[in-house]
Amino acid sequence: MRVMGVDPGLTRCGVALVESGSGRTVTALDVDVVRTPADMDLAERLLAIHDAAQHWLDTHNPDVVAVERVFAQRQVSTAMGTAQAAGVIAVAAAQRGVPVRFHTPSEVKAAVTGSGRADKAQVTAMVTRILGLQKPPKPADAADALALAICHCWRGPVNERMEAAAKQAKLAQDRHRARLKAAENETRTQAAGREVVR
């Protein structure tokens, strides 16, 4: 499975591609950071990120795109920019029919380091080790994008099986409720019929 990991951001947007092998084997295929200057118009910055995402999707043809789920941070403007960058990447993937999956920062840290509270240095060190890289990926946005892709390789299939099982359980529950309601209605109809006969 080829996974494109994205650490969204307006100033720096980390993008990486990894391929999963047998077991927990993961190979890094490419990594980069898309940069846009702060003095550039917001629409132009988002367009630049969208264009870069399209190029990556068309060049690497990933099976899935793993994006960091954005949470409200102390600075609302930072969170907004991050969410907007994530949105244009999701749109670029959706235009090509590539599924997009979102992972929380703590989920990614836990998958890669074993702790959901790991700092950036620990994440970078583990990404370097897992992928067998000669040197740590820089800046941190590149390491984070690789970590997202690794996280999806290891957790994505399990999460999707759990989601599918939950959907099946809900369908079964809905069918059961519909049968109970139909039986209840039939009982009422029969009772009403007996009343008429009397």
N, C-alpha and C. Protein backbone atom coordinates (compact mmCIF):
# COMPACT_ATOMS: atom_id res chain seq x y z
N MET A 1 0.84 -1.18 0.00
CA MET A 1 0.00 0.00 0.00
C MET A 1 0.89 1.24 0.00
N ARG A 2 0.58 2.17 -0.90
CA ARG A 2 1.30 3.45 -0.96
C ARG A 2 0.49 4.50 -0.22
N VAL A 3 1.13 5.13 0.75
CA VAL A 3 0.44 6.14 1.56
C VAL A 3 1.15 7.48 1.43
N MET A 4 0.36 8.50 1.09
CA MET A 4 0.88 9.87 1.06
C MET A 4 0.50 10.51 2.39
N GLY A 5 1.51 10.84 3.19
CA GLY A 5 1.28 11.48 4.48
C GLY A 5 1.41 12.98 4.34
N VAL A 6 0.51 13.72 4.98
CA VAL A 6 0.53 15.18 4.88
C VAL A 6 0.43 15.80 6.27
N ASP A 7 1.42 16.63 6.60
CA ASP A 7 1.39 17.43 7.82
C ASP A 7 1.00 18.84 7.36
N PRO A 8 -0.31 19.18 7.41
CA PRO A 8 -0.77 20.42 6.79
C PRO A 8 -0.30 21.68 7.51
N GLY A 9 -0.08 22.72 6.73
CA GLY A 9 0.30 24.02 7.27
C GLY A 9 0.39 25.01 6.13
N LEU A 10 0.18 26.27 6.42
CA LEU A 10 0.26 27.29 5.38
C LEU A 10 1.70 27.67 5.07
N THR A 11 2.49 27.90 6.12
CA THR A 11 3.89 28.31 5.90
C THR A 11 4.74 27.13 5.44
N ARG A 12 4.57 25.98 6.13
CA ARG A 12 5.28 24.76 5.77
C ARG A 12 4.29 23.60 5.80
N CYS A 13 4.18 22.90 4.69
CA CYS A 13 3.28 21.74 4.58
C CYS A 13 4.13 20.52 4.23
N GLY A 14 4.28 19.62 5.19
CA GLY A 14 5.08 18.42 4.95
C GLY A 14 4.31 17.41 4.12
N VAL A 15 4.98 16.82 3.14
CA VAL A 15 4.37 15.82 2.27
C VAL A 15 5.35 14.65 2.13
N ALA A 16 4.85 13.44 2.28
CA ALA A 16 5.73 12.28 2.19
C ALA A 16 5.00 11.11 1.55
N LEU A 17 5.76 10.19 1.00
CA LEU A 17 5.19 8.98 0.42
C LEU A 17 5.96 7.79 0.96
N VAL A 18 5.22 6.83 1.51
CA VAL A 18 5.84 5.59 1.98
C VAL A 18 5.07 4.41 1.40
N GLU A 19 5.74 3.27 1.40
CA GLU A 19 5.11 2.04 0.92
C GLU A 19 5.26 0.98 1.99
N SER A 20 4.14 0.33 2.32
CA SER A 20 4.21 -0.72 3.33
C SER A 20 4.55 -2.04 2.68
N GLY A 21 5.32 -2.83 3.41
CA GLY A 21 5.70 -4.16 2.94
C GLY A 21 5.10 -5.21 3.85
N SER A 22 5.77 -6.35 3.96
CA SER A 22 5.26 -7.41 4.83
C SER A 22 5.49 -7.04 6.29
N GLY A 23 4.56 -7.45 7.14
CA GLY A 23 4.67 -7.12 8.55
C GLY A 23 4.59 -5.62 8.78
N ARG A 24 5.57 -5.11 9.53
CA ARG A 24 5.60 -3.67 9.81
C ARG A 24 6.66 -2.95 8.99
N THR A 25 7.11 -3.59 7.92
CA THR A 25 8.11 -2.98 7.06
C THR A 25 7.52 -1.80 6.30
N VAL A 26 8.21 -0.66 6.37
CA VAL A 26 7.77 0.54 5.67
C VAL A 26 8.98 1.16 4.99
N THR A 27 8.81 1.56 3.73
CA THR A 27 9.90 2.17 2.97
C THR A 27 9.53 3.58 2.56
N ALA A 28 10.44 4.53 2.81
CA ALA A 28 10.22 5.92 2.38
C ALA A 28 10.54 6.02 0.90
N LEU A 29 9.63 6.61 0.13
CA LEU A 29 9.84 6.78 -1.31
C LEU A 29 10.16 8.23 -1.66
N ASP A 30 9.58 9.18 -0.93
CA ASP A 30 9.82 10.60 -1.22
C ASP A 30 9.34 11.44 -0.04
N VAL A 31 9.93 12.59 0.13
CA VAL A 31 9.50 13.52 1.18
C VAL A 31 9.90 14.94 0.77
N ASP A 32 9.05 15.90 1.12
CA ASP A 32 9.33 17.29 0.78
C ASP A 32 8.50 18.19 1.69
N VAL A 33 8.80 19.47 1.66
CA VAL A 33 8.03 20.47 2.40
C VAL A 33 7.65 21.57 1.42
N VAL A 34 6.33 21.82 1.32
CA VAL A 34 5.83 22.90 0.46
C VAL A 34 5.79 24.16 1.31
N ARG A 35 6.46 25.21 0.83
CA ARG A 35 6.53 26.46 1.59
C ARG A 35 5.80 27.57 0.86
N THR A 36 5.08 28.40 1.63
CA THR A 36 4.47 29.60 1.06
C THR A 36 4.78 30.77 1.98
N PRO A 37 5.16 31.92 1.43
CA PRO A 37 5.51 33.07 2.27
C PRO A 37 4.29 33.69 2.95
N ALA A 38 4.51 34.17 4.18
CA ALA A 38 3.43 34.75 4.98
C ALA A 38 2.82 36.00 4.35
N ASP A 39 3.62 36.72 3.54
CA ASP A 39 3.10 37.96 2.95
C ASP A 39 2.32 37.70 1.64
N MET A 40 2.20 36.45 1.26
CA MET A 40 1.47 36.09 0.05
C MET A 40 -0.03 36.07 0.36
N ASP A 41 -0.88 36.40 -0.62
CA ASP A 41 -2.32 36.37 -0.45
C ASP A 41 -2.77 34.95 -0.06
N LEU A 42 -3.72 34.85 0.88
CA LEU A 42 -4.18 33.55 1.38
C LEU A 42 -4.65 32.63 0.25
N ALA A 43 -5.44 33.16 -0.66
CA ALA A 43 -5.93 32.34 -1.77
C ALA A 43 -4.79 31.79 -2.61
N GLU A 44 -3.76 32.60 -2.82
CA GLU A 44 -2.59 32.17 -3.60
C GLU A 44 -1.79 31.10 -2.85
N ARG A 45 -1.70 31.25 -1.54
CA ARG A 45 -0.99 30.25 -0.73
C ARG A 45 -1.71 28.91 -0.81
N LEU A 46 -3.04 28.95 -0.68
CA LEU A 46 -3.82 27.71 -0.76
C LEU A 46 -3.73 27.08 -2.15
N LEU A 47 -3.71 27.92 -3.17
CA LEU A 47 -3.57 27.41 -4.54
C LEU A 47 -2.22 26.72 -4.72
N ALA A 48 -1.16 27.31 -4.16
CA ALA A 48 0.18 26.71 -4.26
C ALA A 48 0.21 25.34 -3.59
N ILE A 49 -0.44 25.24 -2.43
CA ILE A 49 -0.49 23.95 -1.72
C ILE A 49 -1.31 22.94 -2.50
N HIS A 50 -2.43 23.40 -3.06
CA HIS A 50 -3.29 22.53 -3.87
C HIS A 50 -2.53 22.03 -5.11
N ASP A 51 -1.81 22.93 -5.77
CA ASP A 51 -1.03 22.55 -6.95
C ASP A 51 0.04 21.50 -6.59
N ALA A 52 0.71 21.72 -5.45
CA ALA A 52 1.73 20.76 -5.01
C ALA A 52 1.10 19.41 -4.71
N ALA A 53 -0.06 19.42 -4.07
CA ALA A 53 -0.76 18.17 -3.75
C ALA A 53 -1.15 17.44 -5.03
N GLN A 54 -1.66 18.19 -6.02
CA GLN A 54 -2.02 17.57 -7.30
C GLN A 54 -0.80 16.93 -7.97
N HIS A 55 0.33 17.64 -7.93
CA HIS A 55 1.56 17.11 -8.53
C HIS A 55 1.96 15.80 -7.84
N TRP A 56 1.92 15.79 -6.51
CA TRP A 56 2.28 14.58 -5.77
C TRP A 56 1.33 13.43 -6.09
N LEU A 57 0.04 13.73 -6.11
CA LEU A 57 -0.95 12.69 -6.39
C LEU A 57 -0.78 12.12 -7.79
N ASP A 58 -0.53 12.98 -8.76
CA ASP A 58 -0.37 12.53 -10.14
C ASP A 58 0.96 11.80 -10.37
N THR A 59 1.99 12.24 -9.67
CA THR A 59 3.32 11.63 -9.83
C THR A 59 3.41 10.29 -9.13
N HIS A 60 2.90 10.22 -7.89
CA HIS A 60 3.10 9.02 -7.07
C HIS A 60 1.92 8.05 -7.02
N ASN A 61 0.73 8.52 -7.40
CA ASN A 61 -0.45 7.65 -7.44
C ASN A 61 -0.64 6.85 -6.14
N PRO A 62 -0.79 7.54 -4.99
CA PRO A 62 -0.95 6.81 -3.73
C PRO A 62 -2.30 6.11 -3.64
N ASP A 63 -2.37 5.08 -2.79
CA ASP A 63 -3.63 4.37 -2.56
C ASP A 63 -4.51 5.13 -1.59
N VAL A 64 -3.89 5.91 -0.73
CA VAL A 64 -4.63 6.65 0.30
C VAL A 64 -3.79 7.86 0.73
N VAL A 65 -4.47 8.90 1.20
CA VAL A 65 -3.79 10.08 1.73
C VAL A 65 -4.11 10.17 3.22
N ALA A 66 -3.07 10.23 4.05
CA ALA A 66 -3.24 10.35 5.50
C ALA A 66 -2.89 11.78 5.91
N VAL A 67 -3.87 12.46 6.50
CA VAL A 67 -3.71 13.86 6.87
C VAL A 67 -3.88 14.02 8.37
N GLU A 68 -3.08 14.92 8.95
CA GLU A 68 -3.23 15.17 10.39
C GLU A 68 -4.55 15.88 10.65
N ARG A 69 -5.30 15.35 11.60
CA ARG A 69 -6.57 15.97 11.99
C ARG A 69 -6.26 17.23 12.78
N VAL A 70 -6.88 18.33 12.40
CA VAL A 70 -6.60 19.63 13.01
C VAL A 70 -7.45 19.84 14.25
N PHE A 71 -6.79 20.23 15.34
CA PHE A 71 -7.49 20.60 16.56
C PHE A 71 -7.28 22.07 16.82
N ALA A 72 -8.22 22.70 17.53
CA ALA A 72 -8.07 24.12 17.89
C ALA A 72 -6.84 24.27 18.77
N GLN A 73 -5.95 25.12 18.35
CA GLN A 73 -4.73 25.37 19.11
C GLN A 73 -4.88 26.70 19.84
N ARG A 74 -3.84 27.10 20.56
CA ARG A 74 -3.91 28.37 21.27
C ARG A 74 -4.15 29.52 20.31
N GLN A 75 -3.48 29.49 19.17
CA GLN A 75 -3.66 30.54 18.18
C GLN A 75 -4.68 30.09 17.14
N VAL A 76 -5.84 30.72 17.19
CA VAL A 76 -6.92 30.34 16.27
C VAL A 76 -6.51 30.54 14.82
N SER A 77 -5.76 31.60 14.53
CA SER A 77 -5.35 31.86 13.14
C SER A 77 -4.46 30.74 12.61
N THR A 78 -3.60 30.18 13.46
CA THR A 78 -2.74 29.06 13.05
C THR A 78 -3.59 27.84 12.75
N ALA A 79 -4.55 27.55 13.64
CA ALA A 79 -5.43 26.39 13.44
C ALA A 79 -6.25 26.55 12.17
N MET A 80 -6.71 27.76 11.90
CA MET A 80 -7.51 28.02 10.69
C MET A 80 -6.67 27.76 9.43
N GLY A 81 -5.46 28.28 9.41
CA GLY A 81 -4.58 28.08 8.25
C GLY A 81 -4.27 26.61 8.03
N THR A 82 -4.03 25.90 9.13
CA THR A 82 -3.74 24.47 9.05
C THR A 82 -4.94 23.71 8.50
N ALA A 83 -6.13 24.07 8.99
CA ALA A 83 -7.35 23.41 8.52
C ALA A 83 -7.61 23.71 7.04
N GLN A 84 -7.34 24.95 6.63
CA GLN A 84 -7.53 25.30 5.21
C GLN A 84 -6.57 24.52 4.32
N ALA A 85 -5.32 24.40 4.75
CA ALA A 85 -4.34 23.62 3.98
C ALA A 85 -4.77 22.16 3.88
N ALA A 86 -5.25 21.60 5.00
CA ALA A 86 -5.72 20.21 5.00
C ALA A 86 -6.90 20.05 4.05
N GLY A 87 -7.76 21.07 4.02
CA GLY A 87 -8.93 21.01 3.15
C GLY A 87 -8.60 20.97 1.68
N VAL A 88 -7.65 21.82 1.24
CA VAL A 88 -7.33 21.82 -0.20
C VAL A 88 -6.63 20.52 -0.60
N ILE A 89 -5.89 19.92 0.32
CA ILE A 89 -5.25 18.63 0.02
C ILE A 89 -6.31 17.54 -0.09
N ALA A 90 -7.28 17.56 0.83
CA ALA A 90 -8.37 16.58 0.77
C ALA A 90 -9.16 16.72 -0.53
N VAL A 91 -9.39 17.95 -0.98
CA VAL A 91 -10.11 18.20 -2.24
C VAL A 91 -9.32 17.63 -3.43
N ALA A 92 -8.01 17.88 -3.45
CA ALA A 92 -7.17 17.37 -4.55
C ALA A 92 -7.24 15.85 -4.62
N ALA A 93 -7.23 15.19 -3.44
CA ALA A 93 -7.32 13.72 -3.41
C ALA A 93 -8.70 13.26 -3.87
N ALA A 94 -9.74 13.92 -3.36
CA ALA A 94 -11.11 13.53 -3.71
C ALA A 94 -11.37 13.68 -5.20
N GLN A 95 -10.77 14.69 -5.83
CA GLN A 95 -10.94 14.88 -7.27
C GLN A 95 -10.40 13.70 -8.06
N ARG A 96 -9.48 12.97 -7.47
CA ARG A 96 -8.87 11.82 -8.14
C ARG A 96 -9.41 10.49 -7.61
N GLY A 97 -10.38 10.56 -6.72
CA GLY A 97 -10.95 9.33 -6.16
C GLY A 97 -10.04 8.63 -5.17
N VAL A 98 -9.06 9.36 -4.61
CA VAL A 98 -8.14 8.77 -3.63
C VAL A 98 -8.73 9.00 -2.24
N PRO A 99 -8.93 7.94 -1.46
CA PRO A 99 -9.50 8.12 -0.13
C PRO A 99 -8.58 8.93 0.78
N VAL A 100 -9.19 9.72 1.66
CA VAL A 100 -8.45 10.54 2.62
C VAL A 100 -8.81 10.06 4.03
N ARG A 101 -7.80 9.83 4.84
CA ARG A 101 -8.02 9.41 6.23
C ARG A 101 -7.31 10.40 7.15
N PHE A 102 -7.97 10.73 8.25
CA PHE A 102 -7.43 11.70 9.19
C PHE A 102 -6.99 11.00 10.47
N HIS A 103 -5.82 11.39 10.97
CA HIS A 103 -5.28 10.84 12.21
C HIS A 103 -4.93 11.97 13.17
N THR A 104 -5.23 11.78 14.43
CA THR A 104 -4.92 12.80 15.43
C THR A 104 -3.42 12.80 15.72
N PRO A 105 -2.88 13.94 16.17
CA PRO A 105 -1.45 13.99 16.50
C PRO A 105 -1.06 12.93 17.55
N SER A 106 -1.90 12.73 18.57
CA SER A 106 -1.54 11.75 19.60
C SER A 106 -1.58 10.33 19.05
N GLU A 107 -2.49 10.06 18.11
CA GLU A 107 -2.55 8.74 17.48
C GLU A 107 -1.27 8.47 16.69
N VAL A 108 -0.81 9.49 15.96
CA VAL A 108 0.42 9.35 15.17
C VAL A 108 1.62 9.13 16.08
N LYS A 109 1.72 9.95 17.12
CA LYS A 109 2.85 9.81 18.06
C LYS A 109 2.85 8.44 18.72
N ALA A 110 1.66 7.97 19.13
CA ALA A 110 1.57 6.65 19.78
C ALA A 110 1.97 5.54 18.82
N ALA A 111 1.56 5.65 17.55
CA ALA A 111 1.88 4.61 16.56
C ALA A 111 3.39 4.53 16.32
N VAL A 112 4.03 5.68 16.26
CA VAL A 112 5.45 5.72 15.89
C VAL A 112 6.38 5.55 17.09
N THR A 113 6.03 6.14 18.22
CA THR A 113 6.94 6.12 19.38
C THR A 113 6.46 5.25 20.53
N GLY A 114 5.15 4.92 20.54
CA GLY A 114 4.60 4.17 21.67
C GLY A 114 3.99 5.09 22.72
N SER A 115 4.16 6.41 22.56
CA SER A 115 3.60 7.37 23.51
C SER A 115 2.88 8.49 22.76
N GLY A 116 1.63 8.74 23.14
CA GLY A 116 0.87 9.81 22.52
C GLY A 116 1.32 11.19 22.94
N ARG A 117 2.27 11.26 23.89
CA ARG A 117 2.78 12.55 24.37
C ARG A 117 4.22 12.81 23.93
N ALA A 118 4.70 12.03 22.98
CA ALA A 118 6.09 12.20 22.52
C ALA A 118 6.30 13.58 21.91
N ASP A 119 7.53 14.10 22.07
CA ASP A 119 7.82 15.42 21.47
C ASP A 119 8.34 15.23 20.05
N LYS A 120 8.55 16.36 19.37
CA LYS A 120 8.97 16.31 17.95
C LYS A 120 10.30 15.58 17.77
N ALA A 121 11.22 15.76 18.70
CA ALA A 121 12.54 15.12 18.61
C ALA A 121 12.39 13.60 18.67
N GLN A 122 11.52 13.12 19.56
CA GLN A 122 11.31 11.67 19.68
C GLN A 122 10.66 11.10 18.41
N VAL A 123 9.69 11.84 17.87
CA VAL A 123 9.02 11.40 16.63
C VAL A 123 10.04 11.32 15.50
N THR A 124 10.86 12.37 15.36
CA THR A 124 11.88 12.40 14.30
C THR A 124 12.86 11.24 14.45
N ALA A 125 13.31 10.99 15.69
CA ALA A 125 14.26 9.91 15.94
C ALA A 125 13.67 8.55 15.56
N MET A 126 12.41 8.32 15.93
CA MET A 126 11.78 7.02 15.62
C MET A 126 11.49 6.87 14.13
N VAL A 127 11.10 7.96 13.47
CA VAL A 127 10.86 7.91 12.02
C VAL A 127 12.17 7.55 11.31
N THR A 128 13.26 8.17 11.74
CA THR A 128 14.57 7.89 11.15
C THR A 128 14.93 6.41 11.32
N ARG A 129 14.66 5.90 12.51
CA ARG A 129 14.98 4.50 12.83
C ARG A 129 14.08 3.52 12.06
N ILE A 130 12.77 3.78 12.08
CA ILE A 130 11.81 2.88 11.42
C ILE A 130 12.10 2.76 9.92
N LEU A 131 12.41 3.91 9.31
CA LEU A 131 12.64 3.92 7.86
C LEU A 131 14.08 3.63 7.47
N GLY A 132 14.97 3.50 8.46
CA GLY A 132 16.38 3.20 8.19
C GLY A 132 17.06 4.32 7.41
N LEU A 133 16.72 5.57 7.74
CA LEU A 133 17.30 6.71 7.03
C LEU A 133 18.71 7.00 7.54
N GLN A 134 19.56 7.53 6.65
CA GLN A 134 20.94 7.88 7.01
C GLN A 134 20.97 9.04 8.00
N LYS A 135 20.06 10.01 7.81
CA LYS A 135 20.00 11.17 8.70
C LYS A 135 18.55 11.55 8.93
N PRO A 136 18.27 12.25 10.04
CA PRO A 136 16.89 12.63 10.34
C PRO A 136 16.32 13.57 9.29
N PRO A 137 15.05 13.37 8.92
CA PRO A 137 14.43 14.28 7.95
C PRO A 137 14.21 15.66 8.56
N LYS A 138 14.51 16.69 7.81
CA LYS A 138 14.33 18.06 8.28
C LYS A 138 13.61 18.87 7.22
N PRO A 139 12.82 19.88 7.61
CA PRO A 139 12.47 20.24 8.99
C PRO A 139 11.51 19.24 9.61
N ALA A 140 11.01 19.57 10.81
CA ALA A 140 10.12 18.66 11.54
C ALA A 140 8.87 18.32 10.75
N ASP A 141 8.43 19.23 9.87
CA ASP A 141 7.22 18.99 9.07
C ASP A 141 7.41 17.77 8.15
N ALA A 142 8.63 17.57 7.66
CA ALA A 142 8.92 16.41 6.81
C ALA A 142 8.83 15.12 7.63
N ALA A 143 9.41 15.15 8.84
CA ALA A 143 9.35 13.99 9.73
C ALA A 143 7.90 13.69 10.12
N ASP A 144 7.13 14.74 10.38
CA ASP A 144 5.73 14.56 10.76
C ASP A 144 4.92 13.94 9.62
N ALA A 145 5.19 14.36 8.38
CA ALA A 145 4.49 13.78 7.23
C ALA A 145 4.82 12.29 7.08
N LEU A 146 6.09 11.95 7.29
CA LEU A 146 6.50 10.54 7.24
C LEU A 146 5.82 9.76 8.37
N ALA A 147 5.76 10.36 9.56
CA ALA A 147 5.12 9.71 10.71
C ALA A 147 3.64 9.44 10.43
N LEU A 148 2.96 10.39 9.80
CA LEU A 148 1.55 10.20 9.45
C LEU A 148 1.38 9.03 8.49
N ALA A 149 2.24 8.96 7.50
CA ALA A 149 2.16 7.87 6.53
C ALA A 149 2.43 6.51 7.20
N ILE A 150 3.44 6.47 8.09
CA ILE A 150 3.74 5.24 8.82
C ILE A 150 2.56 4.84 9.69
N CYS A 151 1.99 5.80 10.40
CA CYS A 151 0.83 5.56 11.25
C CYS A 151 -0.29 4.91 10.45
N HIS A 152 -0.56 5.44 9.27
CA HIS A 152 -1.66 4.87 8.49
C HIS A 152 -1.33 3.46 8.01
N CYS A 153 -0.09 3.23 7.63
CA CYS A 153 0.31 1.88 7.21
C CYS A 153 0.04 0.86 8.31
N TRP A 154 0.33 1.25 9.55
CA TRP A 154 0.21 0.34 10.67
C TRP A 154 -1.18 0.29 11.27
N ARG A 155 -1.89 1.41 11.28
CA ARG A 155 -3.19 1.46 11.94
C ARG A 155 -4.38 1.57 11.00
N GLY A 156 -4.16 2.08 9.80
CA GLY A 156 -5.25 2.31 8.87
C GLY A 156 -6.10 1.08 8.58
N PRO A 157 -5.48 -0.05 8.18
CA PRO A 157 -6.28 -1.23 7.86
C PRO A 157 -7.13 -1.71 9.04
N VAL A 158 -6.57 -1.66 10.25
CA VAL A 158 -7.31 -2.08 11.45
C VAL A 158 -8.48 -1.13 11.69
N ASN A 159 -8.21 0.18 11.60
CA ASN A 159 -9.27 1.17 11.80
C ASN A 159 -10.40 0.97 10.79
N GLU A 160 -10.04 0.68 9.54
CA GLU A 160 -11.06 0.52 8.50
C GLU A 160 -11.88 -0.74 8.73
N ARG A 161 -11.25 -1.81 9.21
CA ARG A 161 -12.00 -3.03 9.53
C ARG A 161 -12.97 -2.77 10.68
N MET A 162 -12.51 -1.99 11.68
CA MET A 162 -13.38 -1.66 12.82
C MET A 162 -14.55 -0.80 12.37
N GLU A 163 -14.30 0.18 11.49
CA GLU A 163 -15.37 1.03 10.97
C GLU A 163 -16.38 0.20 10.18
N ALA A 164 -15.88 -0.73 9.36
CA ALA A 164 -16.77 -1.59 8.57
C ALA A 164 -17.62 -2.47 9.49
N ALA A 165 -17.01 -3.01 10.55
CA ALA A 165 -17.75 -3.84 11.50
C ALA A 165 -18.81 -3.02 12.22
N ALA A 166 -18.47 -1.77 12.58
CA ALA A 166 -19.44 -0.90 13.26
C ALA A 166 -20.62 -0.59 12.34
N LYS A 167 -20.34 -0.36 11.05
CA LYS A 167 -21.41 -0.09 10.08
C LYS A 167 -22.32 -1.32 9.93
N GLN A 168 -21.70 -2.51 9.87
CA GLN A 168 -22.48 -3.74 9.75
C GLN A 168 -23.36 -3.93 10.98
N ALA A 169 -22.80 -3.66 12.16
CA ALA A 169 -23.56 -3.80 13.41
C ALA A 169 -24.73 -2.83 13.43
N LYS A 170 -24.51 -1.61 12.96
CA LYS A 170 -25.60 -0.61 12.92
C LYS A 170 -26.69 -1.04 11.95
N LEU A 171 -26.29 -1.57 10.78
CA LEU A 171 -27.28 -2.06 9.82
C LEU A 171 -28.12 -3.19 10.41
N ALA A 172 -27.46 -4.11 11.10
CA ALA A 172 -28.17 -5.23 11.72
C ALA A 172 -29.13 -4.72 12.80
N GLN A 173 -28.67 -3.74 13.58
CA GLN A 173 -29.50 -3.15 14.62
C GLN A 173 -30.72 -2.45 14.01
N ASP A 174 -30.51 -1.70 12.93
CA ASP A 174 -31.61 -1.00 12.26
C ASP A 174 -32.63 -2.00 11.70
N ARG A 175 -32.13 -3.10 11.10
CA ARG A 175 -33.03 -4.13 10.56
C ARG A 175 -33.86 -4.77 11.68
N HIS A 176 -33.19 -5.04 12.82
CA HIS A 176 -33.87 -5.65 13.96
C HIS A 176 -34.97 -4.72 14.48
N ARG A 177 -34.65 -3.44 14.62
CA ARG A 177 -35.64 -2.47 15.09
C ARG A 177 -36.82 -2.37 14.13
N ALA A 178 -36.53 -2.40 12.83
CA ALA A 178 -37.60 -2.33 11.82
C ALA A 178 -38.52 -3.55 11.94
N ARG A 179 -37.93 -4.75 12.16
CA ARG A 179 -38.74 -5.97 12.32
C ARG A 179 -39.61 -5.89 13.58
N LEU A 180 -39.02 -5.37 14.68
CA LEU A 180 -39.79 -5.23 15.92
C LEU A 180 -40.96 -4.27 15.73
N LYS A 181 -40.70 -3.16 15.04
CA LYS A 181 -41.75 -2.16 14.80
C LYS A 181 -42.85 -2.75 13.92
N ALA A 182 -42.44 -3.50 12.89
CA ALA A 182 -43.43 -4.12 12.01
C ALA A 182 -44.29 -5.11 12.78
N ALA A 183 -43.66 -5.91 13.66
CA ALA A 183 -44.40 -6.89 14.48
C ALA A 183 -45.35 -6.17 15.43
N GLU A 184 -44.88 -5.08 16.00
CA GLU A 184 -45.71 -4.28 16.91
C GLU A 184 -46.93 -3.72 16.19
N ASN A 185 -46.70 -3.20 14.98
CA ASN A 185 -47.80 -2.65 14.18
C ASN A 185 -48.81 -3.74 13.80
N GLU A 186 -48.28 -4.93 13.48
CA GLU A 186 -49.16 -6.04 13.11
C GLU A 186 -50.02 -6.45 14.30
N THR A 187 -49.41 -6.48 15.49
CA THR A 187 -50.15 -6.83 16.70
C THR A 187 -51.27 -5.83 16.96
N ARG A 188 -50.96 -4.54 16.78
CA ARG A 188 -51.96 -3.49 16.97
C ARG A 188 -53.11 -3.64 15.98
N THR A 189 -52.75 -3.93 14.72
CA THR A 189 -53.76 -4.09 13.67
C THR A 189 -54.69 -5.27 14.00
N GLN A 190 -54.09 -6.39 14.45
CA GLN A 190 -54.88 -7.57 14.81
C GLN A 190 -55.80 -7.27 15.99
N ALA A 191 -55.25 -6.53 16.98
CA ALA A 191 -56.05 -6.18 18.16
C ALA A 191 -57.23 -5.30 17.75
N ALA A 192 -56.97 -4.35 16.85
CA ALA A 192 -58.02 -3.45 16.38
C ALA A 192 -59.09 -4.24 15.62
N GLY A 193 -58.67 -5.24 14.86
CA GLY A 193 -59.60 -6.09 14.11
C GLY A 193 -60.51 -6.88 15.03
N ARG A 194 -59.94 -7.39 16.14
CA ARG A 194 -60.74 -8.15 17.11
C ARG A 194 -61.77 -7.25 17.76
N GLU A 195 -61.40 -5.99 18.03
CA GLU A 195 -62.32 -5.02 18.64
C GLU A 195 -63.52 -4.78 17.71
N VAL A 196 -63.24 -4.68 16.40
CA VAL A 196 -64.30 -4.44 15.42
C VAL A 196 -65.27 -5.62 15.37
N VAL A 197 -64.73 -6.84 15.43
CA VAL A 197 -65.54 -8.05 15.37
C VAL A 197 -66.50 -8.11 16.54
N ARG A 198 -66.05 -7.70 17.73
CA ARG A 198 -66.93 -7.72 18.90
C ARG A 198 -68.07 -6.73 18.71
